[in-house]
Amino acid sequence: MNTDHTAQPRLTRQRQLILDRLEQVDEFLTAQQLHAALRGEGEAIGLATVYRGLQWLEEAGIIDTIDLISAGAEFVWNIIKR
């Protein structure tokens, strides 16, 4: 039994789907746009799962977030290009 509570969260299937989709575009997407694209591809993924996945990817330093709330939009995400 693994009782190591310091283990890093893993890149789940849903997080990988989100990352794969973001790698396919050269623009920033809102969570809603990303969710709609994934659902349009036949993926059974909820909007809350997309938000949590994006948050995890951002905290891991994999994607960037831009706050456009003052412009009437939501957060938008894209892959960090290195």
C-alpha atoms as a PDB file:
ATOM      1  CA  MET A   1       0.000   0.000   0.000  1.00  0.00           C
ATOM      2  CA  ASN A   2       1.402   3.374  -0.996  1.00  0.00           C
ATOM      3  CA  THR A   3       1.086   5.795   1.897  1.00  0.00           C
ATOM      4  CA  ASP A   4       3.350   8.466   0.422  1.00  0.00           C
ATOM      5  CA  HIS A   5       1.222  11.590   0.700  1.00  0.00           C
ATOM      6  CA  THR A   6       3.900  13.704  -0.988  1.00  0.00           C
ATOM      7  CA  ALA A   7       3.448  12.014  -4.363  1.00  0.00           C
ATOM      8  CA  GLN A   8       2.724  14.432  -7.178  1.00  0.00           C
ATOM      9  CA  PRO A   9      -0.695  14.273  -8.834  1.00  0.00           C
ATOM     10  CA  ARG A  10      -0.485  12.482 -12.122  1.00  0.00           C
ATOM     11  CA  LEU A  11      -1.351  13.531 -15.630  1.00  0.00           C
ATOM     12  CA  THR A  12      -4.765  11.867 -15.891  1.00  0.00           C
ATOM     13  CA  ARG A  13      -6.502  10.923 -19.132  1.00  0.00           C
ATOM     14  CA  GLN A  14      -8.688  14.038 -18.897  1.00  0.00           C
ATOM     15  CA  ARG A  15      -5.704  16.308 -18.297  1.00  0.00           C
ATOM     16  CA  GLN A  16      -3.936  14.709 -21.246  1.00  0.00           C
ATOM     17  CA  LEU A  17      -7.003  15.327 -23.453  1.00  0.00           C
ATOM     18  CA  ILE A  18      -6.969  18.989 -22.453  1.00  0.00           C
ATOM     19  CA  LEU A  19      -3.242  19.284 -23.092  1.00  0.00           C
ATOM     20  CA  ASP A  20      -3.478  17.516 -26.446  1.00  0.00           C
ATOM     21  CA  ARG A  21      -6.264  19.848 -27.587  1.00  0.00           C
ATOM     22  CA  LEU A  22      -4.360  22.959 -26.506  1.00  0.00           C
ATOM     23  CA  GLU A  23      -1.301  21.754 -28.426  1.00  0.00           C
ATOM     24  CA  GLN A  24      -3.412  21.682 -31.598  1.00  0.00           C
ATOM     25  CA  VAL A  25      -4.218  25.405 -31.555  1.00  0.00           C
ATOM     26  CA  ASP A  26      -2.141  28.572 -31.761  1.00  0.00           C
ATOM     27  CA  GLU A  27      -4.589  30.743 -29.884  1.00  0.00           C
ATOM     28  CA  PHE A  28      -5.851  31.150 -26.361  1.00  0.00           C
ATOM     29  CA  LEU A  29      -9.076  29.317 -25.535  1.00  0.00           C
ATOM     30  CA  THR A  30     -11.585  29.799 -22.765  1.00  0.00           C
ATOM     31  CA  ALA A  31     -12.531  26.780 -20.693  1.00  0.00           C
ATOM     32  CA  GLN A  32     -15.942  26.840 -22.362  1.00  0.00           C
ATOM     33  CA  GLN A  33     -14.395  26.805 -25.850  1.00  0.00           C
ATOM     34  CA  LEU A  34     -12.089  23.975 -24.875  1.00  0.00           C
ATOM     35  CA  HIS A  35     -14.974  22.029 -23.326  1.00  0.00           C
ATOM     36  CA  ALA A  36     -17.103  22.487 -26.452  1.00  0.00           C
ATOM     37  CA  ALA A  37     -14.226  21.340 -28.686  1.00  0.00           C
ATOM     38  CA  LEU A  38     -13.626  18.211 -26.618  1.00  0.00           C
ATOM     39  CA  ARG A  39     -17.337  17.389 -26.481  1.00  0.00           C
ATOM     40  CA  GLY A  40     -17.524  17.967 -30.235  1.00  0.00           C
ATOM     41  CA  GLU A  41     -14.809  15.341 -30.638  1.00  0.00           C
ATOM     42  CA  GLY A  42     -16.990  12.873 -28.720  1.00  0.00           C
ATOM     43  CA  GLU A  43     -15.229  13.108 -25.366  1.00  0.00           C
ATOM     44  CA  ALA A  44     -17.418  12.706 -22.303  1.00  0.00           C
ATOM     45  CA  ILE A  45     -15.842  15.404 -20.149  1.00  0.00           C
ATOM     46  CA  GLY A  46     -17.563  17.882 -17.873  1.00  0.00           C
ATOM     47  CA  LEU A  47     -16.911  21.608 -17.741  1.00  0.00           C
ATOM     48  CA  ALA A  48     -15.839  21.363 -14.081  1.00  0.00           C
ATOM     49  CA  THR A  49     -13.301  18.695 -15.058  1.00  0.00           C
ATOM     50  CA  VAL A  50     -11.941  21.012 -17.751  1.00  0.00           C
ATOM     51  CA  TYR A  51     -11.556  23.847 -15.218  1.00  0.00           C
ATOM     52  CA  ARG A  52      -9.820  21.559 -12.698  1.00  0.00           C
ATOM     53  CA  GLY A  53      -7.565  20.135 -15.384  1.00  0.00           C
ATOM     54  CA  LEU A  54      -6.593  23.581 -16.598  1.00  0.00           C
ATOM     55  CA  GLN A  55      -5.865  24.691 -13.053  1.00  0.00           C
ATOM     56  CA  TRP A  56      -3.652  21.652 -12.462  1.00  0.00           C
ATOM     57  CA  LEU A  57      -1.788  22.195 -15.758  1.00  0.00           C
ATOM     58  CA  GLU A  58      -1.232  25.842 -14.879  1.00  0.00           C
ATOM     59  CA  GLU A  59       0.028  25.018 -11.381  1.00  0.00           C
ATOM     60  CA  ALA A  60       2.381  22.445 -12.939  1.00  0.00           C
ATOM     61  CA  GLY A  61       3.812  25.201 -15.174  1.00  0.00           C
ATOM     62  CA  ILE A  62       2.645  23.517 -18.375  1.00  0.00           C
ATOM     63  CA  ILE A  63       0.174  26.156 -19.563  1.00  0.00           C
ATOM     64  CA  ASP A  64      -0.263  29.902 -19.166  1.00  0.00           C
ATOM     65  CA  THR A  65      -3.326  31.779 -17.986  1.00  0.00           C
ATOM     66  CA  ILE A  66      -4.402  35.237 -19.028  1.00  0.00           C
ATOM     67  CA  ASP A  67      -7.082  36.980 -16.982  1.00  0.00           C
ATOM     68  CA  LEU A  68      -9.454  38.855 -19.275  1.00  0.00           C
ATOM     69  CA  ILE A  69     -12.289  39.236 -16.798  1.00  0.00           C
ATOM     70  CA  SER A  70     -11.963  43.016 -16.889  1.00  0.00           C
ATOM     71  CA  ALA A  71     -12.587  42.792 -20.639  1.00  0.00           C
ATOM     72  CA  GLY A  72     -15.777  40.807 -20.063  1.00  0.00           C
ATOM     73  CA  ALA A  73     -14.264  37.410 -20.781  1.00  0.00           C
ATOM     74  CA  GLU A  74     -13.158  34.516 -18.615  1.00  0.00           C
ATOM     75  CA  PHE A  75      -9.709  33.084 -18.075  1.00  0.00           C
ATOM     76  CA  VAL A  76      -8.039  31.813 -21.227  1.00  0.00           C
ATOM     77  CA  TRP A  77      -5.341  29.212 -21.546  1.00  0.00           C
ATOM     78  CA  ASN A  78      -2.637  28.136 -23.951  1.00  0.00           C
ATOM     79  CA  ILE A  79       0.463  26.000 -23.918  1.00  0.00           C
ATOM     80  CA  ILE A  80       3.649  27.668 -22.716  1.00  0.00           C
ATOM     81  CA  LYS A  81       5.857  27.720 -25.804  1.00  0.00           C
ATOM     82  CA  ARG A  82       9.450  26.950 -24.821  1.00  0.00           C
END
